[in-house]
């Protein structure tokens, strides 16, 4: 019989997973080449906004638990706002 275990019973934060599995954040821009090929250049204001979103995420992440609602609030919502505000196709 197979026993199912919840990962959150053993690893309860990204920091703990990094320690346990020897993971580390990679800030190398060429890590995912498909993210940077054939894409339009970002404006300075877009780069500044993305840097702010990244800083907020890293700040909150350092304290361990990041619940889905927090990620939605500090990462997903600002990204959607940035995307939809610049695309007139989504205006109803």
C-alpha atoms as a PDB file:
ATOM      1  CA  UNK A   1       0.000   0.000   0.000  1.00  0.00           C
ATOM      2  CA  UNK A   2       1.284   3.432  -0.932  1.00  0.00           C
ATOM      3  CA  UNK A   3       1.437   6.026   1.821  1.00  0.00           C
ATOM      4  CA  UNK A   4       0.722   9.627   0.789  1.00  0.00           C
ATOM      5  CA  UNK A   5       2.528  12.328   2.738  1.00  0.00           C
ATOM      6  CA  UNK A   6       1.948  16.053   2.559  1.00  0.00           C
ATOM      7  CA  UNK A   7       5.118  17.937   1.645  1.00  0.00           C
ATOM      8  CA  UNK A   8       4.133  20.688   4.073  1.00  0.00           C
ATOM      9  CA  UNK A   9       4.532  18.193   6.934  1.00  0.00           C
ATOM     10  CA  UNK A  10       8.260  18.059   6.114  1.00  0.00           C
ATOM     11  CA  UNK A  11       9.126  21.313   4.367  1.00  0.00           C
ATOM     12  CA  UNK A  12       7.185  24.400   5.334  1.00  0.00           C
ATOM     13  CA  UNK A  13       9.085  27.194   3.615  1.00  0.00           C
ATOM     14  CA  UNK A  14      11.108  27.901   0.517  1.00  0.00           C
ATOM     15  CA  UNK A  15      14.102  28.695   2.716  1.00  0.00           C
ATOM     16  CA  UNK A  16      13.921  25.228   4.275  1.00  0.00           C
ATOM     17  CA  UNK A  17      13.669  23.577   0.831  1.00  0.00           C
ATOM     18  CA  UNK A  18      16.724  25.533  -0.307  1.00  0.00           C
ATOM     19  CA  UNK A  19      18.721  24.299   2.696  1.00  0.00           C
ATOM     20  CA  UNK A  20      17.502  20.696   2.530  1.00  0.00           C
ATOM     21  CA  UNK A  21      18.047  20.248  -1.216  1.00  0.00           C
ATOM     22  CA  UNK A  22      20.987  22.614  -1.730  1.00  0.00           C
ATOM     23  CA  UNK A  23      18.991  24.966  -3.949  1.00  0.00           C
ATOM     24  CA  UNK A  24      19.918  28.549  -4.632  1.00  0.00           C
ATOM     25  CA  UNK A  25      18.411  31.489  -6.485  1.00  0.00           C
ATOM     26  CA  UNK A  26      19.917  32.147  -9.895  1.00  0.00           C
ATOM     27  CA  UNK A  27      19.965  35.811 -10.912  1.00  0.00           C
ATOM     28  CA  UNK A  28      21.691  35.127 -14.222  1.00  0.00           C
ATOM     29  CA  UNK A  29      19.587  36.814 -16.944  1.00  0.00           C
ATOM     30  CA  UNK A  30      20.426  34.088 -19.466  1.00  0.00           C
ATOM     31  CA  UNK A  31      19.213  31.236 -17.226  1.00  0.00           C
ATOM     32  CA  UNK A  32      15.951  30.915 -19.188  1.00  0.00           C
ATOM     33  CA  UNK A  33      16.854  31.948 -22.710  1.00  0.00           C
ATOM     34  CA  UNK A  34      13.280  31.478 -23.956  1.00  0.00           C
ATOM     35  CA  UNK A  35      12.217  34.370 -21.706  1.00  0.00           C
ATOM     36  CA  UNK A  36      14.469  36.827 -23.452  1.00  0.00           C
ATOM     37  CA  UNK A  37      14.500  35.892 -27.114  1.00  0.00           C
ATOM     38  CA  UNK A  38      12.285  37.703 -29.626  1.00  0.00           C
ATOM     39  CA  UNK A  39      10.567  39.855 -27.005  1.00  0.00           C
ATOM     40  CA  UNK A  40       9.998  43.606 -27.140  1.00  0.00           C
ATOM     41  CA  UNK A  41      12.342  45.708 -25.032  1.00  0.00           C
ATOM     42  CA  UNK A  42      10.962  46.814 -21.650  1.00  0.00           C
ATOM     43  CA  UNK A  43      10.644  50.500 -20.940  1.00  0.00           C
ATOM     44  CA  UNK A  44      12.475  52.021 -17.974  1.00  0.00           C
ATOM     45  CA  UNK A  45       9.203  52.403 -16.043  1.00  0.00           C
ATOM     46  CA  UNK A  46       8.365  48.720 -16.660  1.00  0.00           C
ATOM     47  CA  UNK A  47      11.814  47.681 -15.441  1.00  0.00           C
ATOM     48  CA  UNK A  48      11.434  49.834 -12.319  1.00  0.00           C
ATOM     49  CA  UNK A  49       7.987  48.364 -11.589  1.00  0.00           C
ATOM     50  CA  UNK A  50       9.265  44.797 -12.057  1.00  0.00           C
ATOM     51  CA  UNK A  51      12.239  45.492  -9.781  1.00  0.00           C
ATOM     52  CA  UNK A  52       9.836  46.764  -7.095  1.00  0.00           C
ATOM     53  CA  UNK A  53       7.673  43.625  -7.408  1.00  0.00           C
ATOM     54  CA  UNK A  54      10.795  41.465  -7.135  1.00  0.00           C
ATOM     55  CA  UNK A  55      12.047  43.369  -4.073  1.00  0.00           C
ATOM     56  CA  UNK A  56       8.686  42.964  -2.320  1.00  0.00           C
ATOM     57  CA  UNK A  57       8.579  39.248  -3.098  1.00  0.00           C
ATOM     58  CA  UNK A  58      12.132  38.661  -1.836  1.00  0.00           C
ATOM     59  CA  UNK A  59      11.456  40.711   1.306  1.00  0.00           C
ATOM     60  CA  UNK A  60       8.375  38.678   2.226  1.00  0.00           C
ATOM     61  CA  UNK A  61       9.959  35.380   1.172  1.00  0.00           C
ATOM     62  CA  UNK A  62      12.859  35.721   3.587  1.00  0.00           C
ATOM     63  CA  UNK A  63      10.528  35.239   6.547  1.00  0.00           C
ATOM     64  CA  UNK A  64       9.423  31.769   5.482  1.00  0.00           C
ATOM     65  CA  UNK A  65       5.773  31.171   4.732  1.00  0.00           C
ATOM     66  CA  UNK A  66       4.257  32.791   1.686  1.00  0.00           C
ATOM     67  CA  UNK A  67       0.624  31.839   1.423  1.00  0.00           C
ATOM     68  CA  UNK A  68      -1.132  31.897  -1.926  1.00  0.00           C
ATOM     69  CA  UNK A  69      -3.057  35.044  -1.028  1.00  0.00           C
ATOM     70  CA  UNK A  70       0.151  36.888  -0.192  1.00  0.00           C
ATOM     71  CA  UNK A  71       1.734  35.858  -3.502  1.00  0.00           C
ATOM     72  CA  UNK A  72      -1.415  36.962  -5.317  1.00  0.00           C
ATOM     73  CA  UNK A  73      -1.315  40.307  -3.539  1.00  0.00           C
ATOM     74  CA  UNK A  74       2.398  41.139  -3.846  1.00  0.00           C
ATOM     75  CA  UNK A  75       3.261  39.477  -7.186  1.00  0.00           C
ATOM     76  CA  UNK A  76       0.353  38.355  -9.359  1.00  0.00           C
ATOM     77  CA  UNK A  77      -1.942  41.386  -8.965  1.00  0.00           C
ATOM     78  CA  UNK A  78       0.825  43.933  -9.736  1.00  0.00           C
ATOM     79  CA  UNK A  79       1.925  41.882 -12.770  1.00  0.00           C
ATOM     80  CA  UNK A  80      -1.636  41.709 -14.066  1.00  0.00           C
ATOM     81  CA  UNK A  81      -2.077  45.414 -13.449  1.00  0.00           C
ATOM     82  CA  UNK A  82       1.126  46.159 -15.347  1.00  0.00           C
ATOM     83  CA  UNK A  83       0.053  43.934 -18.240  1.00  0.00           C
ATOM     84  CA  UNK A  84      -3.603  44.940 -18.505  1.00  0.00           C
ATOM     85  CA  UNK A  85      -2.998  48.656 -18.108  1.00  0.00           C
ATOM     86  CA  UNK A  86      -0.867  48.586 -21.223  1.00  0.00           C
ATOM     87  CA  UNK A  87      -3.191  46.422 -23.313  1.00  0.00           C
ATOM     88  CA  UNK A  88      -6.356  48.082 -24.546  1.00  0.00           C
ATOM     89  CA  UNK A  89      -7.716  44.721 -25.705  1.00  0.00           C
ATOM     90  CA  UNK A  90      -8.811  43.836 -22.140  1.00  0.00           C
ATOM     91  CA  UNK A  91     -10.798  46.992 -21.444  1.00  0.00           C
ATOM     92  CA  UNK A  92     -14.524  46.241 -21.133  1.00  0.00           C
END
